[in-house]
Amino acid sequence: MHMENPESKFLKVKCKKCKNEQIVFSKACNEVKCLICETVLAKPTGGHAEILTSVVEVLG
């Protein structure tokens, strides 16, 4: 099955604390922390994750 416009995407986000950029899944089912300073970047909500920092780019 080929989906033209999937609801879930990968997002490049930037940590507000240390400015590290990393990739997170828009429907993350676990808390996502910065790999450098461990600041929480995203929290699961049961659907789309709550992104707690700025999104730099949406990756297709």
PDB file of N, CA and C in Angstrom:
ATOM      1  N   MET A   1       0.835  -1.178   0.000  1.00  0.00           N
ATOM      2  CA  MET A   1       0.000   0.000   0.000  1.00  0.00           C
ATOM      3  C   MET A   1       0.880   1.243   0.000  1.00  0.00           C
ATOM      4  N   HIS A   2       0.636   2.120  -0.949  1.00  0.00           N
ATOM      5  CA  HIS A   2       1.448   3.329  -1.076  1.00  0.00           C
ATOM      6  C   HIS A   2       0.635   4.522  -0.598  1.00  0.00           C
ATOM      7  N   MET A   3       1.178   5.262   0.342  1.00  0.00           N
ATOM      8  CA  MET A   3       0.470   6.438   0.859  1.00  0.00           C
ATOM      9  C   MET A   3       1.086   7.695   0.256  1.00  0.00           C
ATOM     10  N   GLU A   4       0.263   8.544  -0.326  1.00  0.00           N
ATOM     11  CA  GLU A   4       0.741   9.779  -0.935  1.00  0.00           C
ATOM     12  C   GLU A   4       1.113  10.843   0.090  1.00  0.00           C
ATOM     13  N   ASN A   5       0.329  10.932   1.177  1.00  0.00           N
ATOM     14  CA  ASN A   5       0.552  11.976   2.172  1.00  0.00           C
ATOM     15  C   ASN A   5       0.424  11.383   3.581  1.00  0.00           C
ATOM     16  N   PRO A   6       1.463  10.704   4.054  1.00  0.00           N
ATOM     17  CA  PRO A   6       1.365  10.082   5.377  1.00  0.00           C
ATOM     18  C   PRO A   6       1.216  11.118   6.486  1.00  0.00           C
ATOM     19  N   GLU A   7       0.465  10.743   7.539  1.00  0.00           N
ATOM     20  CA  GLU A   7       0.253  11.654   8.666  1.00  0.00           C
ATOM     21  C   GLU A   7       1.498  11.793   9.533  1.00  0.00           C
ATOM     22  N   SER A   8       2.317  10.757   9.576  1.00  0.00           N
ATOM     23  CA  SER A   8       3.514  10.796  10.417  1.00  0.00           C
ATOM     24  C   SER A   8       4.726  11.179   9.577  1.00  0.00           C
ATOM     25  N   LYS A   9       5.584  11.990  10.153  1.00  0.00           N
ATOM     26  CA  LYS A   9       6.782  12.459   9.458  1.00  0.00           C
ATOM     27  C   LYS A   9       7.951  12.495  10.441  1.00  0.00           C
ATOM     28  N   PHE A  10       9.133  12.607   9.884  1.00  0.00           N
ATOM     29  CA  PHE A  10      10.309  12.853  10.704  1.00  0.00           C
ATOM     30  C   PHE A  10      10.539  14.353  10.725  1.00  0.00           C
ATOM     31  N   LEU A  11      10.908  14.869  11.891  1.00  0.00           N
ATOM     32  CA  LEU A  11      11.120  16.296  12.065  1.00  0.00           C
ATOM     33  C   LEU A  11      12.539  16.554  12.551  1.00  0.00           C
ATOM     34  N   LYS A  12      13.195  17.541  11.964  1.00  0.00           N
ATOM     35  CA  LYS A  12      14.490  17.983  12.483  1.00  0.00           C
ATOM     36  C   LYS A  12      14.181  19.101  13.460  1.00  0.00           C
ATOM     37  N   VAL A  13      14.565  18.913  14.723  1.00  0.00           N
ATOM     38  CA  VAL A  13      14.292  19.900  15.760  1.00  0.00           C
ATOM     39  C   VAL A  13      15.598  20.416  16.354  1.00  0.00           C
ATOM     40  N   LYS A  14      15.528  21.595  16.966  1.00  0.00           N
ATOM     41  CA  LYS A  14      16.712  22.194  17.590  1.00  0.00           C
ATOM     42  C   LYS A  14      16.441  22.361  19.079  1.00  0.00           C
ATOM     43  N   CYS A  15      17.327  21.846  19.901  1.00  0.00           N
ATOM     44  CA  CYS A  15      17.217  21.970  21.352  1.00  0.00           C
ATOM     45  C   CYS A  15      17.354  23.437  21.747  1.00  0.00           C
ATOM     46  N   LYS A  16      16.428  23.913  22.576  1.00  0.00           N
ATOM     47  CA  LYS A  16      16.469  25.311  23.024  1.00  0.00           C
ATOM     48  C   LYS A  16      17.636  25.579  23.964  1.00  0.00           C
ATOM     49  N   LYS A  17      18.077  24.537  24.665  1.00  0.00           N
ATOM     50  CA  LYS A  17      19.129  24.718  25.668  1.00  0.00           C
ATOM     51  C   LYS A  17      20.531  24.709  25.050  1.00  0.00           C
ATOM     52  N   CYS A  18      20.851  23.676  24.267  1.00  0.00           N
ATOM     53  CA  CYS A  18      22.226  23.546  23.764  1.00  0.00           C
ATOM     54  C   CYS A  18      22.355  23.737  22.251  1.00  0.00           C
ATOM     55  N   LYS A  19      21.221  23.946  21.555  1.00  0.00           N
ATOM     56  CA  LYS A  19      21.184  24.199  20.107  1.00  0.00           C
ATOM     57  C   LYS A  19      21.524  22.973  19.260  1.00  0.00           C
ATOM     58  N   ASN A  20      21.595  21.795  19.875  1.00  0.00           N
ATOM     59  CA  ASN A  20      21.817  20.569  19.111  1.00  0.00           C
ATOM     60  C   ASN A  20      20.611  20.319  18.210  1.00  0.00           C
ATOM     61  N   GLU A  21      20.859  19.874  16.970  1.00  0.00           N
ATOM     62  CA  GLU A  21      19.783  19.503  16.066  1.00  0.00           C
ATOM     63  C   GLU A  21      19.741  17.982  15.960  1.00  0.00           C
ATOM     64  N   GLN A  22      18.540  17.421  16.031  1.00  0.00           N
ATOM     65  CA  GLN A  22      18.382  15.986  15.865  1.00  0.00           C
ATOM     66  C   GLN A  22      17.024  15.682  15.273  1.00  0.00           C
ATOM     67  N   ILE A  23      16.861  14.446  14.805  1.00  0.00           N
ATOM     68  CA  ILE A  23      15.652  13.999  14.133  1.00  0.00           C
ATOM     69  C   ILE A  23      14.747  13.293  15.148  1.00  0.00           C
ATOM     70  N   VAL A  24      13.452  13.653  15.118  1.00  0.00           N
ATOM     71  CA  VAL A  24      12.464  12.973  15.958  1.00  0.00           C
ATOM     72  C   VAL A  24      11.289  12.559  15.081  1.00  0.00           C
ATOM     73  N   PHE A  25      10.561  11.535  15.500  1.00  0.00           N
ATOM     74  CA  PHE A  25       9.390  11.046  14.787  1.00  0.00           C
ATOM     75  C   PHE A  25       8.169  11.811  15.286  1.00  0.00           C
ATOM     76  N   SER A  26       7.325  12.262  14.367  1.00  0.00           N
ATOM     77  CA  SER A  26       6.183  13.090  14.760  1.00  0.00           C
ATOM     78  C   SER A  26       5.170  12.351  15.628  1.00  0.00           C
ATOM     79  N   LYS A  27       5.183  11.013  15.580  1.00  0.00           N
ATOM     80  CA  LYS A  27       4.279  10.221  16.420  1.00  0.00           C
ATOM     81  C   LYS A  27       5.070   9.394  17.432  1.00  0.00           C
ATOM     82  N   ALA A  28       6.060  10.008  18.044  1.00  0.00           N
ATOM     83  CA  ALA A  28       6.901   9.323  19.028  1.00  0.00           C
ATOM     84  C   ALA A  28       6.043   8.770  20.162  1.00  0.00           C
ATOM     85  N   CYS A  29       6.278   7.519  20.522  1.00  0.00           N
ATOM     86  CA  CYS A  29       5.500   6.906  21.610  1.00  0.00           C
ATOM     87  C   CYS A  29       6.287   6.887  22.916  1.00  0.00           C
ATOM     88  N   ASN A  30       7.494   7.411  22.894  1.00  0.00           N
ATOM     89  CA  ASN A  30       8.302   7.557  24.103  1.00  0.00           C
ATOM     90  C   ASN A  30       8.786   9.005  24.185  1.00  0.00           C
ATOM     91  N   GLU A  31       9.118   9.447  25.382  1.00  0.00           N
ATOM     92  CA  GLU A  31       9.688  10.778  25.559  1.00  0.00           C
ATOM     93  C   GLU A  31      11.015  10.834  24.812  1.00  0.00           C
ATOM     94  N   VAL A  32      11.234  11.907  24.065  1.00  0.00           N
ATOM     95  CA  VAL A  32      12.473  12.067  23.304  1.00  0.00           C
ATOM     96  C   VAL A  32      13.308  13.145  23.962  1.00  0.00           C
ATOM     97  N   LYS A  33      14.555  12.795  24.313  1.00  0.00           N
ATOM     98  CA  LYS A  33      15.458  13.748  24.963  1.00  0.00           C
ATOM     99  C   LYS A  33      16.601  14.104  24.030  1.00  0.00           C
ATOM    100  N   CYS A  34      17.142  15.301  24.224  1.00  0.00           N
ATOM    101  CA  CYS A  34      18.322  15.738  23.484  1.00  0.00           C
ATOM    102  C   CYS A  34      19.466  14.778  23.779  1.00  0.00           C
ATOM    103  N   LEU A  35      20.185  14.387  22.740  1.00  0.00           N
ATOM    104  CA  LEU A  35      21.301  13.460  22.905  1.00  0.00           C
ATOM    105  C   LEU A  35      22.495  14.105  23.600  1.00  0.00           C
ATOM    106  N   ILE A  36      22.542  15.433  23.626  1.00  0.00           N
ATOM    107  CA  ILE A  36      23.666  16.149  24.240  1.00  0.00           C
ATOM    108  C   ILE A  36      23.383  16.514  25.697  1.00  0.00           C
ATOM    109  N   CYS A  37      22.261  17.218  25.950  1.00  0.00           N
ATOM    110  CA  CYS A  37      22.018  17.748  27.304  1.00  0.00           C
ATOM    111  C   CYS A  37      20.817  17.105  28.012  1.00  0.00           C
ATOM    112  N   GLU A  38      20.130  16.195  27.342  1.00  0.00           N
ATOM    113  CA  GLU A  38      19.000  15.437  27.897  1.00  0.00           C
ATOM    114  C   GLU A  38      17.755  16.286  28.196  1.00  0.00           C
ATOM    115  N   THR A  39      17.644  17.467  27.606  1.00  0.00           N
ATOM    116  CA  THR A  39      16.410  18.249  27.692  1.00  0.00           C
ATOM    117  C   THR A  39      15.327  17.502  26.918  1.00  0.00           C
ATOM    118  N   VAL A  40      14.109  17.476  27.446  1.00  0.00           N
ATOM    119  CA  VAL A  40      13.011  16.786  26.758  1.00  0.00           C
ATOM    120  C   VAL A  40      12.603  17.602  25.534  1.00  0.00           C
ATOM    121  N   LEU A  41      12.618  16.953  24.365  1.00  0.00           N
ATOM    122  CA  LEU A  41      12.278  17.618  23.110  1.00  0.00           C
ATOM    123  C   LEU A  41      10.851  17.310  22.663  1.00  0.00           C
ATOM    124  N   ALA A  42      10.368  16.108  23.003  1.00  0.00           N
ATOM    125  CA  ALA A  42       9.025  15.703  22.583  1.00  0.00           C
ATOM    126  C   ALA A  42       8.436  14.741  23.604  1.00  0.00           C
ATOM    127  N   LYS A  43       7.109  14.846  23.800  1.00  0.00           N
ATOM    128  CA  LYS A  43       6.393  13.964  24.720  1.00  0.00           C
ATOM    129  C   LYS A  43       5.291  13.240  23.960  1.00  0.00           C
ATOM    130  N   PRO A  44       5.083  11.959  24.249  1.00  0.00           N
ATOM    131  CA  PRO A  44       4.002  11.229  23.580  1.00  0.00           C
ATOM    132  C   PRO A  44       2.635  11.708  24.071  1.00  0.00           C
ATOM    133  N   THR A  45       1.640  11.668  23.175  1.00  0.00           N
ATOM    134  CA  THR A  45       0.292  12.084  23.547  1.00  0.00           C
ATOM    135  C   THR A  45      -0.745  11.031  23.177  1.00  0.00           C
ATOM    136  N   GLY A  46      -0.324   9.939  22.550  1.00  0.00           N
ATOM    137  CA  GLY A  46      -1.253   8.933  22.073  1.00  0.00           C
ATOM    138  C   GLY A  46      -1.530   9.100  20.589  1.00  0.00           C
ATOM    139  N   GLY A  47      -1.130  10.217  20.028  1.00  0.00           N
ATOM    140  CA  GLY A  47      -1.250  10.498  18.597  1.00  0.00           C
ATOM    141  C   GLY A  47       0.038  11.156  18.174  1.00  0.00           C
ATOM    142  N   HIS A  48      -0.071  12.353  17.634  1.00  0.00           N
ATOM    143  CA  HIS A  48       1.140  13.110  17.319  1.00  0.00           C
ATOM    144  C   HIS A  48       1.811  13.531  18.620  1.00  0.00           C
ATOM    145  N   ALA A  49       3.131  13.455  18.644  1.00  0.00           N
ATOM    146  CA  ALA A  49       3.883  13.844  19.838  1.00  0.00           C
ATOM    147  C   ALA A  49       3.785  15.353  20.038  1.00  0.00           C
ATOM    148  N   GLU A  50       3.850  15.780  21.284  1.00  0.00           N
ATOM    149  CA  GLU A  50       3.897  17.209  21.602  1.00  0.00           C
ATOM    150  C   GLU A  50       5.360  17.643  21.490  1.00  0.00           C
ATOM    151  N   ILE A  51       5.656  18.481  20.494  1.00  0.00           N
ATOM    152  CA  ILE A  51       7.019  18.949  20.274  1.00  0.00           C
ATOM    153  C   ILE A  51       7.252  20.162  21.167  1.00  0.00           C
ATOM    154  N   LEU A  52       8.263  20.079  22.028  1.00  0.00           N
ATOM    155  CA  LEU A  52       8.509  21.111  23.048  1.00  0.00           C
ATOM    156  C   LEU A  52       9.638  22.076  22.655  1.00  0.00           C
ATOM    157  N   THR A  53      10.070  22.014  21.413  1.00  0.00           N
ATOM    158  CA  THR A  53      11.153  22.850  20.947  1.00  0.00           C
ATOM    159  C   THR A  53      10.847  23.305  19.532  1.00  0.00           C
ATOM    160  N   SER A  54      11.762  23.991  18.884  1.00  0.00           N
ATOM    161  CA  SER A  54      11.468  24.494  17.543  1.00  0.00           C
ATOM    162  C   SER A  54      11.779  23.442  16.469  1.00  0.00           C
ATOM    163  N   VAL A  55      10.899  23.391  15.472  1.00  0.00           N
ATOM    164  CA  VAL A  55      11.085  22.491  14.337  1.00  0.00           C
ATOM    165  C   VAL A  55      11.877  23.254  13.281  1.00  0.00           C
ATOM    166  N   VAL A  56      13.009  22.690  12.877  1.00  0.00           N
ATOM    167  CA  VAL A  56      13.878  23.316  11.877  1.00  0.00           C
ATOM    168  C   VAL A  56      13.411  22.937  10.474  1.00  0.00           C
ATOM    169  N   GLU A  57      13.007  21.657  10.316  1.00  0.00           N
ATOM    170  CA  GLU A  57      12.655  21.166   8.982  1.00  0.00           C
ATOM    171  C   GLU A  57      11.750  19.954   9.118  1.00  0.00           C
ATOM    172  N   VAL A  58      10.806  19.809   8.204  1.00  0.00           N
ATOM    173  CA  VAL A  58       9.966  18.615   8.118  1.00  0.00           C
ATOM    174  C   VAL A  58      10.556  17.772   7.000  1.00  0.00           C
ATOM    175  N   LEU A  59      10.917  16.532   7.326  1.00  0.00           N
ATOM    176  CA  LEU A  59      11.555  15.649   6.354  1.00  0.00           C
ATOM    177  C   LEU A  59      10.516  14.711   5.751  1.00  0.00           C
ATOM    178  N   GLY A  60      10.518  14.601   4.433  1.00  0.00           N
ATOM    179  CA  GLY A  60       9.524  13.800   3.720  1.00  0.00           C
ATOM    180  C   GLY A  60       9.841  12.361   3.818  1.00  0.00           C
TER     181      GLY A  60
END
